[in-house]
Structure formats: structure tokens, C-alpha cells
Full PDB file with SEQRES, HELIX, SHEET, SSBOND, CRYST1, ORIGX, SCALE, CONECT and MASTER records, all heavy atoms in Angstrom:
SEQRES   1 A   39  MET ALA GLY ALA ASP LEU ALA LEU THR THR TYR PRO ARG          
SEQRES   2 A   39  GLU GLN ASN PRO SER LEU LEU ALA ALA ALA ASP LEU VAL          
SEQRES   3 A   39  LEU VAL ALA SER GLY THR ALA THR LEU GLU VAL ALA PHE          
HELIX    1 AA1 ALA A    2  ALA A    4  5                                   3    
HELIX    2 AA2 ARG A   13  GLN A   15  5                                   3    
HELIX    3 AA3 ASN A   16  ALA A   22  1                                   7    
HELIX    4 AA4 ALA A   33  ALA A   38  1                                   6    
CRYST1    1.000    1.000    1.000  90.00  90.00  90.00 P 1           1          
ORIGX1      1.000000  0.000000  0.000000        0.00000                         
ORIGX2      0.000000  1.000000  0.000000        0.00000                         
ORIGX3      0.000000  0.000000  1.000000        0.00000                         
SCALE1      1.000000  0.000000  0.000000        0.00000                         
SCALE2      0.000000  1.000000  0.000000        0.00000                         
SCALE3      0.000000  0.000000  1.000000        0.00000                         
ATOM      1  N   MET A   1       7.043 -11.748  10.856  1.00  0.00           N  
ATOM      2  CA  MET A   1       7.066 -10.418  11.451  1.00  0.00           C  
ATOM      3  C   MET A   1       7.260 -10.483  12.962  1.00  0.00           C  
ATOM      4  O   MET A   1       7.815  -9.552  13.543  1.00  0.00           O  
ATOM      5  CB  MET A   1       5.760  -9.667  11.142  1.00  0.00           C  
ATOM      6  CG  MET A   1       5.494  -9.447   9.673  1.00  0.00           C  
ATOM      7  SD  MET A   1       6.412  -8.127   8.931  1.00  0.00           S  
ATOM      8  CE  MET A   1       5.667  -6.713   9.673  1.00  0.00           C  
ATOM      9  N   ALA A   2       6.810 -11.562  13.589  1.00  0.00           N  
ATOM     10  CA  ALA A   2       6.889 -11.673  15.046  1.00  0.00           C  
ATOM     11  C   ALA A   2       8.324 -11.531  15.551  1.00  0.00           C  
ATOM     12  O   ALA A   2       8.578 -10.860  16.544  1.00  0.00           O  
ATOM     13  CB  ALA A   2       6.287 -13.002  15.502  1.00  0.00           C  
ATOM     14  N   GLY A   3       9.267 -12.127  14.872  1.00  0.00           N  
ATOM     15  CA  GLY A   3      10.653 -12.049  15.290  1.00  0.00           C  
ATOM     16  C   GLY A   3      11.344 -10.767  14.884  1.00  0.00           C  
ATOM     17  O   GLY A   3      12.453 -10.478  15.321  1.00  0.00           O  
ATOM     18  N   ALA A   4      10.701  -9.964  14.061  1.00  0.00           N  
ATOM     19  CA  ALA A   4      11.332  -8.750  13.550  1.00  0.00           C  
ATOM     20  C   ALA A   4      10.957  -7.504  14.339  1.00  0.00           C  
ATOM     21  O   ALA A   4      11.422  -6.417  14.050  1.00  0.00           O  
ATOM     22  CB  ALA A   4      10.950  -8.554  12.085  1.00  0.00           C  
ATOM     23  N   ASP A   5      10.123  -7.655  15.367  1.00  0.00           N  
ATOM     24  CA  ASP A   5       9.682  -6.538  16.193  1.00  0.00           C  
ATOM     25  C   ASP A   5       9.010  -5.458  15.339  1.00  0.00           C  
ATOM     26  O   ASP A   5       9.228  -4.266  15.524  1.00  0.00           O  
ATOM     27  CB  ASP A   5      10.847  -5.958  16.997  1.00  0.00           C  
ATOM     28  CG  ASP A   5      10.359  -5.035  18.125  1.00  0.00           C  
ATOM     29  OD1 ASP A   5       9.249  -5.283  18.642  1.00  0.00           O  
ATOM     30  OD2 ASP A   5      11.077  -4.075  18.450  1.00  0.00           O  
ATOM     31  N   LEU A   6       8.223  -5.893  14.348  1.00  0.00           N  
ATOM     32  CA  LEU A   6       7.472  -4.991  13.482  1.00  0.00           C  
ATOM     33  C   LEU A   6       5.998  -5.380  13.545  1.00  0.00           C  
ATOM     34  O   LEU A   6       5.668  -6.538  13.757  1.00  0.00           O  
ATOM     35  CB  LEU A   6       7.955  -5.093  12.032  1.00  0.00           C  
ATOM     36  CG  LEU A   6       9.392  -4.688  11.760  1.00  0.00           C  
ATOM     37  CD1 LEU A   6       9.783  -5.081  10.344  1.00  0.00           C  
ATOM     38  CD2 LEU A   6       9.586  -3.197  11.965  1.00  0.00           C  
ATOM     39  N   ALA A   7       5.145  -4.433  13.354  1.00  0.00           N  
ATOM     40  CA  ALA A   7       3.712  -4.711  13.359  1.00  0.00           C  
ATOM     41  C   ALA A   7       3.180  -4.727  11.933  1.00  0.00           C  
ATOM     42  O   ALA A   7       3.543  -3.882  11.121  1.00  0.00           O  
ATOM     43  CB  ALA A   7       2.979  -3.655  14.171  1.00  0.00           C  
ATOM     44  N   LEU A   8       2.339  -5.682  11.640  1.00  0.00           N  
ATOM     45  CA  LEU A   8       1.673  -5.752  10.345  1.00  0.00           C  
ATOM     46  C   LEU A   8       0.380  -4.953  10.456  1.00  0.00           C  
ATOM     47  O   LEU A   8      -0.452  -5.213  11.317  1.00  0.00           O  
ATOM     48  CB  LEU A   8       1.376  -7.210   9.962  1.00  0.00           C  
ATOM     49  CG  LEU A   8       0.700  -7.447   8.631  1.00  0.00           C  
ATOM     50  CD1 LEU A   8       1.580  -6.944   7.496  1.00  0.00           C  
ATOM     51  CD2 LEU A   8       0.405  -8.914   8.443  1.00  0.00           C  
ATOM     52  N   THR A   9       0.244  -3.957   9.615  1.00  0.00           N  
ATOM     53  CA  THR A   9      -0.919  -3.078   9.673  1.00  0.00           C  
ATOM     54  C   THR A   9      -1.674  -3.169   8.364  1.00  0.00           C  
ATOM     55  O   THR A   9      -1.072  -3.196   7.296  1.00  0.00           O  
ATOM     56  CB  THR A   9      -0.471  -1.612   9.890  1.00  0.00           C  
ATOM     57  OG1 THR A   9       0.344  -1.550  11.053  1.00  0.00           O  
ATOM     58  CG2 THR A   9      -1.656  -0.704  10.062  1.00  0.00           C  
ATOM     59  N   THR A  10      -2.978  -3.229   8.464  1.00  0.00           N  
ATOM     60  CA  THR A  10      -3.807  -3.208   7.269  1.00  0.00           C  
ATOM     61  C   THR A  10      -4.618  -1.918   7.264  1.00  0.00           C  
ATOM     62  O   THR A  10      -4.917  -1.350   8.311  1.00  0.00           O  
ATOM     63  CB  THR A  10      -4.763  -4.421   7.215  1.00  0.00           C  
ATOM     64  OG1 THR A  10      -5.581  -4.412   8.383  1.00  0.00           O  
ATOM     65  CG2 THR A  10      -3.982  -5.727   7.140  1.00  0.00           C  
ATOM     66  N   TYR A  11      -4.934  -1.463   6.064  1.00  0.00           N  
ATOM     67  CA  TYR A  11      -5.692  -0.223   5.898  1.00  0.00           C  
ATOM     68  C   TYR A  11      -6.878  -0.505   4.997  1.00  0.00           C  
ATOM     69  O   TYR A  11      -6.759  -1.243   4.024  1.00  0.00           O  
ATOM     70  CB  TYR A  11      -4.824   0.858   5.243  1.00  0.00           C  
ATOM     71  CG  TYR A  11      -3.632   1.237   6.077  1.00  0.00           C  
ATOM     72  CD1 TYR A  11      -2.407   0.617   5.893  1.00  0.00           C  
ATOM     73  CD2 TYR A  11      -3.738   2.222   7.053  1.00  0.00           C  
ATOM     74  CE1 TYR A  11      -1.301   0.961   6.663  1.00  0.00           C  
ATOM     75  CE2 TYR A  11      -2.641   2.579   7.830  1.00  0.00           C  
ATOM     76  CZ  TYR A  11      -1.432   1.945   7.628  1.00  0.00           C  
ATOM     77  OH  TYR A  11      -0.365   2.296   8.399  1.00  0.00           O  
ATOM     78  N   PRO A  12      -8.018   0.115   5.288  1.00  0.00           N  
ATOM     79  CA  PRO A  12      -9.167  -0.075   4.392  1.00  0.00           C  
ATOM     80  C   PRO A  12      -8.910   0.577   3.039  1.00  0.00           C  
ATOM     81  O   PRO A  12      -8.175   1.556   2.935  1.00  0.00           O  
ATOM     82  CB  PRO A  12     -10.324   0.628   5.123  1.00  0.00           C  
ATOM     83  CG  PRO A  12      -9.708   1.452   6.190  1.00  0.00           C  
ATOM     84  CD  PRO A  12      -8.319   0.946   6.430  1.00  0.00           C  
ATOM     85  N   ARG A  13      -9.500   0.008   2.016  1.00  0.00           N  
ATOM     86  CA  ARG A  13      -9.306   0.484   0.641  1.00  0.00           C  
ATOM     87  C   ARG A  13      -9.630   1.974   0.495  1.00  0.00           C  
ATOM     88  O   ARG A  13      -9.038   2.662  -0.324  1.00  0.00           O  
ATOM     89  CB  ARG A  13     -10.163  -0.356  -0.302  1.00  0.00           C  
ATOM     90  CG  ARG A  13     -10.013   0.008  -1.752  1.00  0.00           C  
ATOM     91  CD  ARG A  13     -10.623  -1.056  -2.649  1.00  0.00           C  
ATOM     92  NE  ARG A  13     -10.694  -0.652  -4.018  1.00  0.00           N  
ATOM     93  CZ  ARG A  13      -9.655  -0.527  -4.838  1.00  0.00           C  
ATOM     94  NH1 ARG A  13      -8.446  -0.751  -4.391  1.00  0.00           N  
ATOM     95  NH2 ARG A  13      -9.817  -0.175  -6.097  1.00  0.00           N  
ATOM     96  N   GLU A  14     -10.533   2.469   1.285  1.00  0.00           N  
ATOM     97  CA  GLU A  14     -10.916   3.886   1.199  1.00  0.00           C  
ATOM     98  C   GLU A  14      -9.738   4.804   1.499  1.00  0.00           C  
ATOM     99  O   GLU A  14      -9.758   5.981   1.154  1.00  0.00           O  
ATOM    100  CB  GLU A  14     -12.066   4.197   2.171  1.00  0.00           C  
ATOM    101  CG  GLU A  14     -13.363   3.468   1.866  1.00  0.00           C  
ATOM    102  CD  GLU A  14     -13.354   2.010   2.342  1.00  0.00           C  
ATOM    103  OE1 GLU A  14     -12.781   1.708   3.409  1.00  0.00           O  
ATOM    104  OE2 GLU A  14     -13.903   1.167   1.617  1.00  0.00           O  
ATOM    105  N   GLN A  15      -8.716   4.290   2.161  1.00  0.00           N  
ATOM    106  CA  GLN A  15      -7.551   5.109   2.488  1.00  0.00           C  
ATOM    107  C   GLN A  15      -6.494   5.105   1.383  1.00  0.00           C  
ATOM    108  O   GLN A  15      -5.479   5.788   1.497  1.00  0.00           O  
ATOM    109  CB  GLN A  15      -6.926   4.648   3.808  1.00  0.00           C  
ATOM    110  CG  GLN A  15      -7.772   4.959   5.012  1.00  0.00           C  
ATOM    111  CD  GLN A  15      -7.067   4.607   6.315  1.00  0.00           C  
ATOM    112  OE1 GLN A  15      -5.898   4.238   6.335  1.00  0.00           O  
ATOM    113  NE2 GLN A  15      -7.791   4.721   7.405  1.00  0.00           N  
ATOM    114  N   ASN A  16      -6.722   4.369   0.312  1.00  0.00           N  
ATOM    115  CA  ASN A  16      -5.739   4.304  -0.770  1.00  0.00           C  
ATOM    116  C   ASN A  16      -5.307   5.670  -1.291  1.00  0.00           C  
ATOM    117  O   ASN A  16      -4.111   5.907  -1.462  1.00  0.00           O  
ATOM    118  CB  ASN A  16      -6.255   3.447  -1.929  1.00  0.00           C  
ATOM    119  CG  ASN A  16      -6.062   1.968  -1.680  1.00  0.00           C  
ATOM    120  OD1 ASN A  16      -5.597   1.552  -0.628  1.00  0.00           O  
ATOM    121  ND2 ASN A  16      -6.432   1.168  -2.655  1.00  0.00           N  
ATOM    122  N   PRO A  17      -6.231   6.591  -1.558  1.00  0.00           N  
ATOM    123  CA  PRO A  17      -5.778   7.889  -2.075  1.00  0.00           C  
ATOM    124  C   PRO A  17      -4.785   8.597  -1.156  1.00  0.00           C  
ATOM    125  O   PRO A  17      -3.754   9.085  -1.625  1.00  0.00           O  
ATOM    126  CB  PRO A  17      -7.079   8.692  -2.220  1.00  0.00           C  
ATOM    127  CG  PRO A  17      -8.125   7.639  -2.428  1.00  0.00           C  
ATOM    128  CD  PRO A  17      -7.687   6.486  -1.558  1.00  0.00           C  
ATOM    129  N   SER A  18      -5.048   8.631   0.126  1.00  0.00           N  
ATOM    130  CA  SER A  18      -4.124   9.328   1.035  1.00  0.00           C  
ATOM    131  C   SER A  18      -2.827   8.547   1.211  1.00  0.00           C  
ATOM    132  O   SER A  18      -1.752   9.145   1.315  1.00  0.00           O  
ATOM    133  CB  SER A  18      -4.785   9.603   2.387  1.00  0.00           C  
ATOM    134  OG  SER A  18      -5.186   8.403   3.012  1.00  0.00           O  
ATOM    135  N   LEU A  19      -2.909   7.217   1.216  1.00  0.00           N  
ATOM    136  CA  LEU A  19      -1.692   6.414   1.336  1.00  0.00           C  
ATOM    137  C   LEU A  19      -0.821   6.562   0.092  1.00  0.00           C  
ATOM    138  O   LEU A  19       0.394   6.729   0.188  1.00  0.00           O  
ATOM    139  CB  LEU A  19      -2.036   4.937   1.558  1.00  0.00           C  
ATOM    140  CG  LEU A  19      -2.676   4.600   2.893  1.00  0.00           C  
ATOM    141  CD1 LEU A  19      -3.196   3.167   2.886  1.00  0.00           C  
ATOM    142  CD2 LEU A  19      -1.695   4.810   4.028  1.00  0.00           C  
ATOM    143  N   LEU A  20      -1.444   6.513  -1.081  1.00  0.00           N  
ATOM    144  CA  LEU A  20      -0.683   6.663  -2.320  1.00  0.00           C  
ATOM    145  C   LEU A  20      -0.101   8.061  -2.453  1.00  0.00           C  
ATOM    146  O   LEU A  20       1.030   8.220  -2.915  1.00  0.00           O  
ATOM    147  CB  LEU A  20      -1.554   6.323  -3.527  1.00  0.00           C  
ATOM    148  CG  LEU A  20      -1.893   4.841  -3.684  1.00  0.00           C  
ATOM    149  CD1 LEU A  20      -2.950   4.637  -4.765  1.00  0.00           C  
ATOM    150  CD2 LEU A  20      -0.657   4.023  -3.965  1.00  0.00           C  
ATOM    151  N   ALA A  21      -0.838   9.058  -2.026  1.00  0.00           N  
ATOM    152  CA  ALA A  21      -0.330  10.427  -2.101  1.00  0.00           C  
ATOM    153  C   ALA A  21       0.925  10.594  -1.244  1.00  0.00           C  
ATOM    154  O   ALA A  21       1.830  11.355  -1.595  1.00  0.00           O  
ATOM    155  CB  ALA A  21      -1.413  11.414  -1.660  1.00  0.00           C  
ATOM    156  N   ALA A  22       1.012   9.854  -0.144  1.00  0.00           N  
ATOM    157  CA  ALA A  22       2.141   9.986   0.773  1.00  0.00           C  
ATOM    158  C   ALA A  22       3.330   9.101   0.402  1.00  0.00           C  
ATOM    159  O   ALA A  22       4.430   9.293   0.914  1.00  0.00           O  
ATOM    160  CB  ALA A  22       1.691   9.646   2.196  1.00  0.00           C  
ATOM    161  N   ALA A  23       3.130   8.149  -0.512  1.00  0.00           N  
ATOM    162  CA  ALA A  23       4.166   7.162  -0.829  1.00  0.00           C  
ATOM    163  C   ALA A  23       5.237   7.719  -1.756  1.00  0.00           C  
ATOM    164  O   ALA A  23       4.949   8.515  -2.650  1.00  0.00           O  
ATOM    165  CB  ALA A  23       3.527   5.930  -1.471  1.00  0.00           C  
ATOM    166  N   ASP A  24       6.469   7.286  -1.538  1.00  0.00           N  
ATOM    167  CA  ASP A  24       7.560   7.575  -2.468  1.00  0.00           C  
ATOM    168  C   ASP A  24       7.696   6.461  -3.497  1.00  0.00           C  
ATOM    169  O   ASP A  24       8.075   6.702  -4.639  1.00  0.00           O  
ATOM    170  CB  ASP A  24       8.884   7.712  -1.710  1.00  0.00           C  
ATOM    171  CG  ASP A  24       8.914   8.926  -0.803  1.00  0.00           C  
ATOM    172  OD1 ASP A  24       8.403   9.985  -1.218  1.00  0.00           O  
ATOM    173  OD2 ASP A  24       9.432   8.822   0.321  1.00  0.00           O  
ATOM    174  N   LEU A  25       7.390   5.233  -3.078  1.00  0.00           N  
ATOM    175  CA  LEU A  25       7.496   4.049  -3.922  1.00  0.00           C  
ATOM    176  C   LEU A  25       6.462   3.053  -3.427  1.00  0.00           C  
ATOM    177  O   LEU A  25       6.280   2.885  -2.227  1.00  0.00           O  
ATOM    178  CB  LEU A  25       8.905   3.440  -3.823  1.00  0.00           C  
ATOM    179  CG  LEU A  25       9.146   2.141  -4.576  1.00  0.00           C  
ATOM    180  CD1 LEU A  25       9.098   2.371  -6.089  1.00  0.00           C  
ATOM    181  CD2 LEU A  25      10.498   1.546  -4.188  1.00  0.00           C  
ATOM    182  N   VAL A  26       5.792   2.386  -4.360  1.00  0.00           N  
ATOM    183  CA  VAL A  26       4.743   1.434  -4.006  1.00  0.00           C  
ATOM    184  C   VAL A  26       5.141   0.046  -4.495  1.00  0.00           C  
ATOM    185  O   VAL A  26       5.537  -0.115  -5.649  1.00  0.00           O  
ATOM    186  CB  VAL A  26       3.392   1.850  -4.635  1.00  0.00           C  
ATOM    187  CG1 VAL A  26       2.298   0.849  -4.288  1.00  0.00           C  
ATOM    188  CG2 VAL A  26       3.001   3.258  -4.183  1.00  0.00           C  
ATOM    189  N   LEU A  27       5.042  -0.934  -3.618  1.00  0.00           N  
ATOM    190  CA  LEU A  27       5.177  -2.338  -3.997  1.00  0.00           C  
ATOM    191  C   LEU A  27       3.752  -2.835  -4.199  1.00  0.00           C  
ATOM    192  O   LEU A  27       2.947  -2.809  -3.266  1.00  0.00           O  
ATOM    193  CB  LEU A  27       5.880  -3.139  -2.902  1.00  0.00           C  
ATOM    194  CG  LEU A  27       7.272  -2.661  -2.516  1.00  0.00           C  
ATOM    195  CD1 LEU A  27       7.829  -3.507  -1.372  1.00  0.00           C  
ATOM    196  CD2 LEU A  27       8.212  -2.684  -3.693  1.00  0.00           C  
ATOM    197  N   VAL A  28       3.436  -3.272  -5.407  1.00  0.00           N  
ATOM    198  CA  VAL A  28       2.047  -3.573  -5.741  1.00  0.00           C  
ATOM    199  C   VAL A  28       1.937  -4.929  -6.425  1.00  0.00           C  
ATOM    200  O   VAL A  28       2.793  -5.302  -7.220  1.00  0.00           O  
ATOM    201  CB  VAL A  28       1.445  -2.440  -6.618  1.00  0.00           C  
ATOM    202  CG1 VAL A  28       2.195  -2.283  -7.912  1.00  0.00           C  
ATOM    203  CG2 VAL A  28      -0.036  -2.638  -6.862  1.00  0.00           C  
ATOM    204  N   ALA A  29       0.873  -5.648  -6.072  1.00  0.00           N  
ATOM    205  CA  ALA A  29       0.598  -6.919  -6.737  1.00  0.00           C  
ATOM    206  C   ALA A  29       0.068  -6.622  -8.137  1.00  0.00           C  
ATOM    207  O   ALA A  29      -0.651  -5.646  -8.350  1.00  0.00           O  
ATOM    208  CB  ALA A  29      -0.423  -7.730  -5.946  1.00  0.00           C  
ATOM    209  N   SER A  30       0.431  -7.460  -9.076  1.00  0.00           N  
ATOM    210  CA  SER A  30       0.009  -7.269 -10.458  1.00  0.00           C  
ATOM    211  C   SER A  30      -1.504  -7.302 -10.565  1.00  0.00           C  
ATOM    212  O   SER A  30      -2.171  -8.045  -9.866  1.00  0.00           O  
ATOM    213  CB  SER A  30       0.613  -8.373 -11.322  1.00  0.00           C  
ATOM    214  OG  SER A  30       0.224  -8.203 -12.657  1.00  0.00           O  
ATOM    215  N   GLY A  31      -2.022  -6.498 -11.452  1.00  0.00           N  
ATOM    216  CA  GLY A  31      -3.461  -6.437 -11.686  1.00  0.00           C  
ATOM    217  C   GLY A  31      -3.886  -5.002 -11.866  1.00  0.00           C  
ATOM    218  O   GLY A  31      -3.067  -4.112 -12.119  1.00  0.00           O  
ATOM    219  N   THR A  32      -5.176  -4.749 -11.710  1.00  0.00           N  
ATOM    220  CA  THR A  32      -5.686  -3.399 -11.915  1.00  0.00           C  
ATOM    221  C   THR A  32      -5.163  -2.418 -10.869  1.00  0.00           C  
ATOM    222  O   THR A  32      -5.206  -1.203 -11.101  1.00  0.00           O  
ATOM    223  CB  THR A  32      -7.226  -3.378 -11.923  1.00  0.00           C  
ATOM    224  OG1 THR A  32      -7.698  -3.960 -10.705  1.00  0.00           O  
ATOM    225  CG2 THR A  32      -7.777  -4.138 -13.120  1.00  0.00           C  
ATOM    226  N   ALA A  33      -4.661  -2.915  -9.753  1.00  0.00           N  
ATOM    227  CA  ALA A  33      -4.079  -2.024  -8.738  1.00  0.00           C  
ATOM    228  C   ALA A  33      -2.923  -1.218  -9.326  1.00  0.00           C  
ATOM    229  O   ALA A  33      -2.679  -0.085  -8.912  1.00  0.00           O  
ATOM    230  CB  ALA A  33      -3.618  -2.821  -7.528  1.00  0.00           C  
ATOM    231  N   THR A  34      -2.224  -1.773 -10.310  1.00  0.00           N  
ATOM    232  CA  THR A  34      -1.114  -1.037 -10.919  1.00  0.00           C  
ATOM    233  C   THR A  34      -1.621   0.212 -11.632  1.00  0.00           C  
ATOM    234  O   THR A  34      -0.947   1.241 -11.650  1.00  0.00           O  
ATOM    235  CB  THR A  34      -0.317  -1.908 -11.914  1.00  0.00           C  
ATOM    236  OG1 THR A  34      -1.181  -2.353 -12.963  1.00  0.00           O  
ATOM    237  CG2 THR A  34       0.304  -3.106 -11.217  1.00  0.00           C  
ATOM    238  N   LEU A  35      -2.820   0.140 -12.203  1.00  0.00           N  
ATOM    239  CA  LEU A  35      -3.391   1.308 -12.873  1.00  0.00           C  
ATOM    240  C   LEU A  35      -3.795   2.365 -11.853  1.00  0.00           C  
ATOM    241  O   LEU A  35      -3.675   3.566 -12.112  1.00  0.00           O  
ATOM    242  CB  LEU A  35      -4.583   0.906 -13.736  1.00  0.00           C  
ATOM    243  CG  LEU A  35      -4.269  -0.053 -14.886  1.00  0.00           C  
ATOM    244  CD1 LEU A  35      -5.544  -0.418 -15.641  1.00  0.00           C  
ATOM    245  CD2 LEU A  35      -3.239   0.535 -15.821  1.00  0.00           C  
ATOM    246  N   GLU A  36      -4.256   1.931 -10.691  1.00  0.00           N  
ATOM    247  CA  GLU A  36      -4.596   2.881  -9.630  1.00  0.00           C  
ATOM    248  C   GLU A  36      -3.345   3.610  -9.144  1.00  0.00           C  
ATOM    249  O   GLU A  36      -3.347   4.824  -8.968  1.00  0.00           O  
ATOM    250  CB  GLU A  36      -5.274   2.172  -8.460  1.00  0.00           C  
ATOM    251  CG  GLU A  36      -5.691   3.122  -7.351  1.00  0.00           C  
ATOM    252  CD  GLU A  36      -6.420   2.438  -6.214  1.00  0.00           C  
ATOM    253  OE1 GLU A  36      -6.455   1.197  -6.154  1.00  0.00           O  
ATOM    254  OE2 GLU A  36      -6.950   3.175  -5.358  1.00  0.00           O  
ATOM    255  N   VAL A  37      -2.265   2.872  -8.956  1.00  0.00           N  
ATOM    256  CA  VAL A  37      -1.004   3.484  -8.526  1.00  0.00           C  
ATOM    257  C   VAL A  37      -0.505   4.446  -9.607  1.00  0.00           C  
ATOM    258  O   VAL A  37      -0.069   5.564  -9.317  1.00  0.00           O  
ATOM    259  CB  VAL A  37       0.052   2.408  -8.189  1.00  0.00           C  
ATOM    260  CG1 VAL A  37       1.391   3.030  -7.871  1.00  0.00           C  
ATOM    261  CG2 VAL A  37      -0.428   1.548  -7.007  1.00  0.00           C  
ATOM    262  N   ALA A  38      -0.598   4.024 -10.857  1.00  0.00           N  
ATOM    263  CA  ALA A  38      -0.173   4.886 -11.970  1.00  0.00           C  
ATOM    264  C   ALA A  38      -1.023   6.143 -12.051  1.00  0.00           C  
ATOM    265  O   ALA A  38      -0.521   7.213 -12.385  1.00  0.00           O  
ATOM    266  CB  ALA A  38      -0.238   4.107 -13.282  1.00  0.00           C  
ATOM    267  N   PHE A  39      -2.309   6.039 -11.737  1.00  0.00           N  
ATOM    268  CA  PHE A  39      -3.207   7.192 -11.736  1.00  0.00           C  
ATOM    269  C   PHE A  39      -2.650   8.297 -10.835  1.00  0.00           C  
ATOM    270  O   PHE A  39      -2.776   9.476 -11.137  1.00  0.00           O  
ATOM    271  CB  PHE A  39      -4.603   6.772 -11.263  1.00  0.00           C  
ATOM    272  CG  PHE A  39      -5.578   7.902 -11.141  1.00  0.00           C  
ATOM    273  CD1 PHE A  39      -6.289   8.336 -12.243  1.00  0.00           C  
ATOM    274  CD2 PHE A  39      -5.792   8.524  -9.919  1.00  0.00           C  
ATOM    275  CE1 PHE A  39      -7.198   9.378 -12.134  1.00  0.00           C  
ATOM    276  CE2 PHE A  39      -6.694   9.571  -9.794  1.00  0.00           C  
ATOM    277  CZ  PHE A  39      -7.401  10.000 -10.905  1.00  0.00           C  
TER     278      PHE A  39                                                      
MASTER        0    0    0    4    0    0    0    6  277    1    0    3          
END                                                                             
């Protein structure tokens, strides 16, 4: 990321509902997180 002039940002899990509500498409690691995104 350093060479791409982009910042890596992390968000606390508590923000998942608002982040997911705003997303058009989610890239998600396999696991129970997929069920949360599907919810």
C-alpha cells in the first residue's frame, strides 16, 4: 500500500452494520462472516 498512495484503514467490528449497509459489494473471508454479509 505504501507505493500506491492509499491508506489502510481498519474499523471496529461494531461498525459492521453501518459499513455493510453502505456497501455495494463485499469482499469477505470465508467463514461465518459470509452469513453476516448475507444477513
